Amino acid sequence: MSELSDFSKTTPQLETVDVQSIPTGIEPGSGSGRMKFGEAAPRKKNIPKGLWAKCGKCAELIYDKDLEENLKTCPSCGFHFSIAVRARLASLVDEKSFKEMDAGMSSVDILKFTGVASYPAKLQRYQKSTGENDAVITGLCKMGPHKVALGIM
């Protein structure tokens, strides 16, 4: 018992404080931004369109102008972003040197594919969304001093 009596002698007395009386500098209902108990924190930040891109492989945020200068390739991990066929063409060949071959060529449903949506309907939808007749563009061009036959999907 003597140990307990010694303990009470050395323990400082704590003052009780009313928590409501502590000034916080935040008025109630002012939208302090504090989360309530049980609220989930937002997992994604909204990235403004046309300013930043998030790499699909390493999740690095890349300034769009830097991404364009790097030909739509992540500078951190080398991941290649998708790029429209005409933009890819412009990045590869010498300016005004590309002569397209078979420009009128278009896919057809020779095997009569079946599925949820008809193959001709899918073809039409993709042709409308890309502005291209087919998935492949072929032609002759120059790349530096070289004459090249090129196909891009």
N, C-alpha and C. Protein backbone atom coordinates (compact mmCIF):
# COMPACT_ATOMS: atom_id res chain seq x y z
N MET A 1 0.80 -1.20 0.00
CA MET A 1 0.00 0.00 0.00
C MET A 1 0.84 1.26 0.00
N SER A 2 2.01 1.16 0.55
CA SER A 2 2.85 2.35 0.63
C SER A 2 3.27 2.81 -0.76
N GLU A 3 3.41 1.86 -1.70
CA GLU A 3 3.77 2.22 -3.07
C GLU A 3 2.69 3.08 -3.70
N LEU A 4 1.42 2.75 -3.47
CA LEU A 4 0.32 3.52 -4.03
C LEU A 4 0.24 4.91 -3.42
N SER A 5 0.50 5.00 -2.17
CA SER A 5 0.44 6.32 -1.54
C SER A 5 1.57 7.21 -2.07
N ASP A 6 2.74 6.61 -2.33
CA ASP A 6 3.84 7.37 -2.90
C ASP A 6 3.49 7.85 -4.32
N PHE A 7 2.78 6.99 -5.07
CA PHE A 7 2.40 7.33 -6.44
C PHE A 7 1.47 8.55 -6.47
N SER A 8 0.50 8.57 -5.61
CA SER A 8 -0.44 9.68 -5.59
C SER A 8 0.24 10.98 -5.18
N LYS A 9 1.32 10.88 -4.44
CA LYS A 9 2.02 12.09 -4.02
C LYS A 9 2.82 12.70 -5.18
N THR A 10 3.34 11.81 -6.08
CA THR A 10 4.19 12.32 -7.17
C THR A 10 3.41 12.62 -8.44
N THR A 11 2.17 12.17 -8.53
CA THR A 11 1.38 12.42 -9.73
C THR A 11 0.81 13.83 -9.69
N PRO A 12 1.07 14.64 -10.74
CA PRO A 12 0.53 16.01 -10.73
C PRO A 12 -0.98 15.98 -10.93
N GLN A 13 -1.63 16.95 -10.38
CA GLN A 13 -3.07 17.06 -10.55
C GLN A 13 -3.35 17.71 -11.90
N LEU A 14 -4.22 17.09 -12.70
CA LEU A 14 -4.57 17.61 -14.02
C LEU A 14 -5.81 18.47 -13.93
N GLU A 15 -5.80 19.52 -14.66
CA GLU A 15 -6.94 20.42 -14.69
C GLU A 15 -7.91 19.94 -15.77
N THR A 16 -9.19 19.91 -15.49
CA THR A 16 -10.17 19.53 -16.50
C THR A 16 -10.56 20.77 -17.28
N VAL A 17 -10.66 20.60 -18.59
CA VAL A 17 -10.98 21.71 -19.48
C VAL A 17 -12.19 21.34 -20.31
N ASP A 18 -13.10 22.29 -20.48
CA ASP A 18 -14.26 22.09 -21.33
C ASP A 18 -13.81 22.23 -22.78
N VAL A 19 -13.91 21.17 -23.58
CA VAL A 19 -13.44 21.16 -24.96
C VAL A 19 -14.16 22.22 -25.80
N GLN A 20 -15.41 22.47 -25.52
CA GLN A 20 -16.18 23.45 -26.28
C GLN A 20 -15.62 24.86 -26.13
N SER A 21 -14.91 25.11 -25.04
CA SER A 21 -14.41 26.46 -24.79
C SER A 21 -13.08 26.75 -25.48
N ILE A 22 -12.46 25.74 -26.12
CA ILE A 22 -11.17 25.93 -26.78
C ILE A 22 -11.41 26.60 -28.13
N PRO A 23 -10.80 27.77 -28.38
CA PRO A 23 -11.00 28.44 -29.67
C PRO A 23 -10.28 27.68 -30.78
N THR A 24 -10.98 27.45 -31.89
CA THR A 24 -10.39 26.73 -33.02
C THR A 24 -10.15 27.63 -34.21
N GLY A 25 -10.82 28.79 -34.24
CA GLY A 25 -10.71 29.68 -35.39
C GLY A 25 -11.63 29.27 -36.52
N ILE A 26 -12.41 28.22 -36.32
CA ILE A 26 -13.34 27.74 -37.34
C ILE A 26 -14.75 27.86 -36.79
N GLU A 27 -15.55 28.60 -37.48
CA GLU A 27 -16.94 28.76 -37.06
C GLU A 27 -17.73 27.52 -37.45
N PRO A 28 -18.67 27.09 -36.61
CA PRO A 28 -19.49 25.94 -36.97
C PRO A 28 -20.25 26.20 -38.27
N GLY A 29 -20.29 25.19 -39.13
CA GLY A 29 -21.01 25.30 -40.41
C GLY A 29 -20.27 26.12 -41.45
N SER A 30 -18.99 26.41 -41.21
CA SER A 30 -18.24 27.24 -42.16
C SER A 30 -17.60 26.42 -43.26
N GLY A 31 -17.84 25.11 -43.26
CA GLY A 31 -17.23 24.27 -44.29
C GLY A 31 -15.75 24.13 -44.07
N SER A 32 -15.35 23.75 -42.88
CA SER A 32 -13.94 23.68 -42.52
C SER A 32 -13.17 22.66 -43.34
N GLY A 33 -13.90 21.78 -44.03
CA GLY A 33 -13.23 20.78 -44.83
C GLY A 33 -12.86 19.55 -44.04
N ARG A 34 -13.15 19.54 -42.77
CA ARG A 34 -12.84 18.36 -41.97
C ARG A 34 -13.81 17.25 -42.30
N MET A 35 -13.28 16.04 -42.35
CA MET A 35 -14.13 14.89 -42.64
C MET A 35 -14.81 14.43 -41.38
N LYS A 36 -16.02 13.95 -41.51
CA LYS A 36 -16.75 13.40 -40.39
C LYS A 36 -16.36 11.95 -40.22
N PHE A 37 -16.53 11.46 -39.00
CA PHE A 37 -16.22 10.07 -38.72
C PHE A 37 -17.01 9.17 -39.65
N GLY A 38 -16.36 8.22 -40.27
CA GLY A 38 -17.02 7.27 -41.16
C GLY A 38 -17.04 7.70 -42.61
N GLU A 39 -16.65 8.96 -42.90
CA GLU A 39 -16.61 9.41 -44.29
C GLU A 39 -15.37 8.83 -44.96
N ALA A 40 -15.53 8.45 -46.21
CA ALA A 40 -14.39 7.93 -46.96
C ALA A 40 -13.65 9.09 -47.62
N ALA A 41 -12.35 9.04 -47.58
CA ALA A 41 -11.54 10.05 -48.24
C ALA A 41 -11.64 9.86 -49.74
N PRO A 42 -11.65 10.94 -50.51
CA PRO A 42 -11.69 10.78 -51.96
C PRO A 42 -10.44 10.07 -52.44
N ARG A 43 -10.61 9.10 -53.32
CA ARG A 43 -9.48 8.30 -53.78
C ARG A 43 -8.79 8.90 -54.99
N LYS A 44 -9.53 9.60 -55.82
CA LYS A 44 -8.95 10.16 -57.04
C LYS A 44 -9.07 11.67 -57.02
N LYS A 45 -8.07 12.30 -57.53
CA LYS A 45 -8.15 13.74 -57.72
C LYS A 45 -8.56 13.97 -59.17
N ASN A 46 -9.42 14.95 -59.37
CA ASN A 46 -9.83 15.27 -60.72
C ASN A 46 -8.71 16.02 -61.42
N ILE A 47 -8.27 15.48 -62.53
CA ILE A 47 -7.20 16.09 -63.31
C ILE A 47 -7.86 16.85 -64.44
N PRO A 48 -7.57 18.15 -64.58
CA PRO A 48 -8.19 18.91 -65.67
C PRO A 48 -7.82 18.32 -67.03
N LYS A 49 -8.80 18.24 -67.91
CA LYS A 49 -8.57 17.70 -69.26
C LYS A 49 -7.63 18.63 -70.02
N GLY A 50 -6.72 18.02 -70.77
CA GLY A 50 -5.84 18.78 -71.63
C GLY A 50 -4.67 19.45 -70.93
N LEU A 51 -4.45 19.15 -69.66
CA LEU A 51 -3.35 19.77 -68.95
C LEU A 51 -2.36 18.72 -68.44
N TRP A 52 -2.88 17.65 -67.87
CA TRP A 52 -2.06 16.58 -67.33
C TRP A 52 -2.60 15.24 -67.80
N ALA A 53 -1.72 14.26 -67.89
CA ALA A 53 -2.12 12.89 -68.22
C ALA A 53 -1.49 11.98 -67.18
N LYS A 54 -2.20 10.92 -66.85
CA LYS A 54 -1.69 9.95 -65.88
C LYS A 54 -1.25 8.71 -66.65
N CYS A 55 -0.03 8.28 -66.43
CA CYS A 55 0.51 7.11 -67.11
C CYS A 55 -0.28 5.87 -66.72
N GLY A 56 -0.65 5.07 -67.71
CA GLY A 56 -1.40 3.85 -67.48
C GLY A 56 -0.58 2.73 -66.89
N LYS A 57 0.74 2.89 -66.85
CA LYS A 57 1.60 1.84 -66.30
C LYS A 57 2.15 2.22 -64.92
N CYS A 58 2.80 3.38 -64.82
CA CYS A 58 3.45 3.75 -63.55
C CYS A 58 2.68 4.79 -62.76
N ALA A 59 1.58 5.30 -63.30
CA ALA A 59 0.70 6.28 -62.64
C ALA A 59 1.35 7.65 -62.47
N GLU A 60 2.46 7.90 -63.14
CA GLU A 60 3.12 9.20 -63.11
C GLU A 60 2.22 10.25 -63.75
N LEU A 61 2.15 11.46 -63.16
CA LEU A 61 1.43 12.57 -63.78
C LEU A 61 2.39 13.28 -64.72
N ILE A 62 1.96 13.46 -65.97
CA ILE A 62 2.83 14.04 -66.99
C ILE A 62 2.13 15.24 -67.59
N TYR A 63 2.83 16.34 -67.67
CA TYR A 63 2.31 17.55 -68.29
C TYR A 63 2.08 17.24 -69.77
N ASP A 64 0.89 17.58 -70.29
CA ASP A 64 0.52 17.21 -71.66
C ASP A 64 1.53 17.69 -72.71
N LYS A 65 2.06 18.90 -72.53
CA LYS A 65 3.03 19.39 -73.52
C LYS A 65 4.29 18.53 -73.52
N ASP A 66 4.71 18.10 -72.33
CA ASP A 66 5.88 17.21 -72.24
C ASP A 66 5.58 15.87 -72.90
N LEU A 67 4.36 15.38 -72.72
CA LEU A 67 3.95 14.11 -73.32
C LEU A 67 3.96 14.21 -74.84
N GLU A 68 3.45 15.31 -75.38
CA GLU A 68 3.46 15.52 -76.83
C GLU A 68 4.89 15.58 -77.37
N GLU A 69 5.75 16.31 -76.66
CA GLU A 69 7.16 16.42 -77.09
C GLU A 69 7.87 15.08 -77.06
N ASN A 70 7.41 14.19 -76.19
CA ASN A 70 8.00 12.86 -76.05
C ASN A 70 7.25 11.83 -76.89
N LEU A 71 6.48 12.30 -77.88
CA LEU A 71 5.73 11.45 -78.81
C LEU A 71 4.81 10.46 -78.09
N LYS A 72 4.09 10.98 -77.08
CA LYS A 72 3.09 10.21 -76.33
C LYS A 72 3.69 9.00 -75.64
N THR A 73 4.91 9.15 -75.13
CA THR A 73 5.60 8.09 -74.40
C THR A 73 5.95 8.61 -73.02
N CYS A 74 5.64 7.83 -71.99
CA CYS A 74 5.92 8.23 -70.61
C CYS A 74 7.43 8.35 -70.41
N PRO A 75 7.91 9.50 -69.94
CA PRO A 75 9.35 9.66 -69.74
C PRO A 75 9.89 8.83 -68.57
N SER A 76 9.00 8.41 -67.66
CA SER A 76 9.45 7.64 -66.50
C SER A 76 9.61 6.15 -66.78
N CYS A 77 8.62 5.57 -67.50
CA CYS A 77 8.65 4.10 -67.67
C CYS A 77 8.62 3.64 -69.13
N GLY A 78 8.44 4.57 -70.08
CA GLY A 78 8.44 4.20 -71.49
C GLY A 78 7.11 3.70 -72.01
N PHE A 79 6.05 3.79 -71.21
CA PHE A 79 4.71 3.36 -71.65
C PHE A 79 4.26 4.22 -72.83
N HIS A 80 3.70 3.58 -73.85
CA HIS A 80 3.21 4.29 -75.03
C HIS A 80 1.71 4.52 -74.91
N PHE A 81 1.32 5.79 -74.90
CA PHE A 81 -0.09 6.15 -74.88
C PHE A 81 -0.67 5.90 -76.27
N SER A 82 -1.98 5.70 -76.34
CA SER A 82 -2.60 5.52 -77.65
C SER A 82 -2.53 6.85 -78.40
N ILE A 83 -2.45 6.75 -79.70
CA ILE A 83 -2.32 7.93 -80.54
C ILE A 83 -3.08 7.66 -81.83
N ALA A 84 -3.74 8.67 -82.34
CA ALA A 84 -4.49 8.53 -83.58
C ALA A 84 -3.53 8.20 -84.72
N VAL A 85 -4.02 7.43 -85.68
CA VAL A 85 -3.16 6.94 -86.76
C VAL A 85 -2.52 8.09 -87.56
N ARG A 86 -3.26 9.15 -87.81
CA ARG A 86 -2.70 10.27 -88.58
C ARG A 86 -1.65 11.03 -87.77
N ALA A 87 -1.83 11.10 -86.46
CA ALA A 87 -0.82 11.74 -85.60
C ALA A 87 0.45 10.89 -85.57
N ARG A 88 0.29 9.57 -85.50
CA ARG A 88 1.45 8.68 -85.53
C ARG A 88 2.19 8.84 -86.85
N LEU A 89 1.44 8.89 -87.93
CA LEU A 89 2.00 9.07 -89.26
C LEU A 89 2.83 10.36 -89.32
N ALA A 90 2.25 11.45 -88.83
CA ALA A 90 2.94 12.74 -88.85
C ALA A 90 4.22 12.72 -88.01
N SER A 91 4.22 11.93 -86.94
CA SER A 91 5.41 11.87 -86.08
C SER A 91 6.53 11.03 -86.68
N LEU A 92 6.20 10.17 -87.64
CA LEU A 92 7.20 9.25 -88.20
C LEU A 92 7.84 9.73 -89.50
N VAL A 93 7.03 10.24 -90.40
CA VAL A 93 7.51 10.48 -91.77
C VAL A 93 7.87 11.94 -92.00
N ASP A 94 8.69 12.15 -93.02
CA ASP A 94 9.03 13.51 -93.41
C ASP A 94 7.77 14.22 -93.89
N GLU A 95 7.69 15.49 -93.56
CA GLU A 95 6.50 16.29 -93.89
C GLU A 95 6.17 16.24 -95.38
N LYS A 96 4.92 16.02 -95.68
CA LYS A 96 4.35 15.99 -97.04
C LYS A 96 4.95 14.92 -97.94
N SER A 97 5.60 13.90 -97.37
CA SER A 97 6.19 12.86 -98.21
C SER A 97 5.30 11.62 -98.31
N PHE A 98 4.28 11.49 -97.49
CA PHE A 98 3.45 10.28 -97.46
C PHE A 98 2.45 10.28 -98.62
N LYS A 99 2.50 9.21 -99.41
CA LYS A 99 1.55 8.99 -100.50
C LYS A 99 0.76 7.74 -100.16
N GLU A 100 -0.49 7.93 -99.76
CA GLU A 100 -1.31 6.80 -99.31
C GLU A 100 -1.65 5.87 -100.46
N MET A 101 -1.60 4.57 -100.17
CA MET A 101 -2.00 3.54 -101.14
C MET A 101 -3.30 2.92 -100.64
N ASP A 102 -4.15 2.53 -101.54
CA ASP A 102 -5.40 1.86 -101.20
C ASP A 102 -6.25 2.68 -100.23
N ALA A 103 -6.33 3.98 -100.45
CA ALA A 103 -7.09 4.86 -99.55
C ALA A 103 -8.57 4.50 -99.51
N GLY A 104 -9.09 3.94 -100.59
CA GLY A 104 -10.50 3.57 -100.64
C GLY A 104 -10.80 2.20 -100.07
N MET A 105 -9.76 1.46 -99.66
CA MET A 105 -9.96 0.11 -99.14
C MET A 105 -10.77 0.17 -97.85
N SER A 106 -11.70 -0.79 -97.70
CA SER A 106 -12.54 -0.83 -96.51
C SER A 106 -12.77 -2.28 -96.09
N SER A 107 -12.90 -2.52 -94.81
CA SER A 107 -13.15 -3.87 -94.30
C SER A 107 -14.54 -4.34 -94.69
N VAL A 108 -14.65 -5.65 -94.88
CA VAL A 108 -15.96 -6.28 -95.16
C VAL A 108 -16.09 -7.50 -94.26
N ASP A 109 -17.31 -7.96 -94.09
CA ASP A 109 -17.60 -9.11 -93.22
C ASP A 109 -17.66 -10.39 -94.05
N ILE A 110 -16.52 -10.81 -94.61
CA ILE A 110 -16.48 -11.97 -95.49
C ILE A 110 -16.80 -13.27 -94.76
N LEU A 111 -16.48 -13.34 -93.45
CA LEU A 111 -16.71 -14.56 -92.68
C LEU A 111 -18.07 -14.57 -91.97
N LYS A 112 -18.84 -13.52 -92.13
CA LYS A 112 -20.18 -13.41 -91.51
C LYS A 112 -20.10 -13.60 -90.00
N PHE A 113 -19.28 -12.78 -89.35
CA PHE A 113 -19.13 -12.84 -87.89
C PHE A 113 -20.47 -12.61 -87.21
N THR A 114 -20.66 -13.29 -86.07
CA THR A 114 -21.87 -13.08 -85.27
C THR A 114 -21.45 -12.67 -83.87
N GLY A 115 -22.32 -11.95 -83.21
CA GLY A 115 -22.02 -11.51 -81.84
C GLY A 115 -23.16 -10.66 -81.33
N VAL A 116 -22.92 -9.98 -80.22
CA VAL A 116 -23.94 -9.13 -79.62
C VAL A 116 -24.36 -8.04 -80.61
N ALA A 117 -23.37 -7.39 -81.21
CA ALA A 117 -23.65 -6.39 -82.25
C ALA A 117 -23.16 -6.96 -83.57
N SER A 118 -23.83 -6.62 -84.64
CA SER A 118 -23.41 -7.13 -85.94
C SER A 118 -22.06 -6.52 -86.33
N TYR A 119 -21.27 -7.30 -87.05
CA TYR A 119 -19.95 -6.83 -87.46
C TYR A 119 -20.04 -5.59 -88.35
N PRO A 120 -20.96 -5.57 -89.34
CA PRO A 120 -21.09 -4.35 -90.14
C PRO A 120 -21.44 -3.11 -89.30
N ALA A 121 -22.25 -3.30 -88.25
CA ALA A 121 -22.59 -2.17 -87.38
C ALA A 121 -21.36 -1.68 -86.62
N LYS A 122 -20.54 -2.63 -86.15
CA LYS A 122 -19.30 -2.27 -85.46
C LYS A 122 -18.36 -1.53 -86.40
N LEU A 123 -18.20 -2.06 -87.61
CA LEU A 123 -17.34 -1.40 -88.59
C LEU A 123 -17.78 0.03 -88.84
N GLN A 124 -19.07 0.20 -89.01
CA GLN A 124 -19.61 1.54 -89.29
C GLN A 124 -19.35 2.48 -88.11
N ARG A 125 -19.53 1.97 -86.88
CA ARG A 125 -19.30 2.80 -85.69
C ARG A 125 -17.82 3.20 -85.59
N TYR A 126 -16.91 2.25 -85.82
CA TYR A 126 -15.49 2.57 -85.74
C TYR A 126 -15.05 3.50 -86.88
N GLN A 127 -15.60 3.31 -88.06
CA GLN A 127 -15.28 4.19 -89.17
C GLN A 127 -15.71 5.62 -88.86
N LYS A 128 -16.88 5.74 -88.25
CA LYS A 128 -17.38 7.07 -87.91
C LYS A 128 -16.53 7.71 -86.81
N SER A 129 -16.14 6.93 -85.79
CA SER A 129 -15.38 7.49 -84.67
C SER A 129 -13.94 7.85 -85.05
N THR A 130 -13.34 7.10 -85.99
CA THR A 130 -11.95 7.37 -86.37
C THR A 130 -11.82 8.25 -87.61
N GLY A 131 -12.86 8.27 -88.43
CA GLY A 131 -12.77 9.01 -89.69
C GLY A 131 -11.98 8.26 -90.75
N GLU A 132 -11.67 7.01 -90.49
CA GLU A 132 -10.89 6.19 -91.43
C GLU A 132 -11.77 5.07 -91.98
N ASN A 133 -11.45 4.60 -93.20
CA ASN A 133 -12.20 3.49 -93.80
C ASN A 133 -11.79 2.14 -93.22
N ASP A 134 -10.51 2.03 -92.84
CA ASP A 134 -10.00 0.74 -92.39
C ASP A 134 -9.06 0.94 -91.21
N ALA A 135 -8.73 -0.15 -90.55
CA ALA A 135 -7.84 -0.10 -89.38
C ALA A 135 -6.39 0.12 -89.78
N VAL A 136 -6.06 -0.09 -91.05
CA VAL A 136 -4.68 0.03 -91.52
C VAL A 136 -4.58 1.12 -92.58
N ILE A 137 -3.55 1.93 -92.46
CA ILE A 137 -3.22 2.92 -93.50
C ILE A 137 -1.87 2.51 -94.06
N THR A 138 -1.79 2.41 -95.37
CA THR A 138 -0.54 2.02 -96.01
C THR A 138 -0.12 3.08 -97.01
N GLY A 139 1.17 3.17 -97.25
CA GLY A 139 1.65 4.13 -98.22
C GLY A 139 3.16 4.14 -98.33
N LEU A 140 3.62 5.03 -99.20
CA LEU A 140 5.05 5.23 -99.42
C LEU A 140 5.43 6.60 -98.88
N CYS A 141 6.63 6.69 -98.31
CA CYS A 141 7.05 7.97 -97.72
C CYS A 141 8.56 8.03 -97.64
N LYS A 142 9.03 9.12 -97.06
CA LYS A 142 10.46 9.27 -96.78
C LYS A 142 10.64 9.45 -95.29
N MET A 143 11.66 8.80 -94.78
CA MET A 143 12.09 8.97 -93.39
C MET A 143 13.57 9.31 -93.45
N GLY A 144 13.86 10.59 -93.33
CA GLY A 144 15.24 11.02 -93.52
C GLY A 144 15.66 10.72 -94.95
N PRO A 145 16.80 10.08 -95.15
CA PRO A 145 17.26 9.80 -96.51
C PRO A 145 16.63 8.53 -97.11
N HIS A 146 15.80 7.83 -96.34
CA HIS A 146 15.28 6.54 -96.77
C HIS A 146 13.87 6.63 -97.36
N LYS A 147 13.66 5.88 -98.45
CA LYS A 147 12.31 5.69 -98.99
C LYS A 147 11.72 4.48 -98.28
N VAL A 148 10.49 4.61 -97.79
CA VAL A 148 9.90 3.58 -96.94
C VAL A 148 8.49 3.24 -97.40
N ALA A 149 8.16 1.93 -97.39
CA ALA A 149 6.77 1.48 -97.52
C ALA A 149 6.30 1.26 -96.08
N LEU A 150 5.19 1.91 -95.72
CA LEU A 150 4.78 1.95 -94.32
C LEU A 150 3.32 1.55 -94.16
N GLY A 151 3.05 0.79 -93.12
CA GLY A 151 1.68 0.45 -92.74
C GLY A 151 1.49 0.75 -91.27
N ILE A 152 0.43 1.47 -90.94
CA ILE A 152 0.17 1.85 -89.55
C ILE A 152 -1.24 1.41 -89.18
N MET A 153 -1.34 0.76 -88.03
CA MET A 153 -2.66 0.35 -87.52
C MET A 153 -3.08 1.29 -86.42
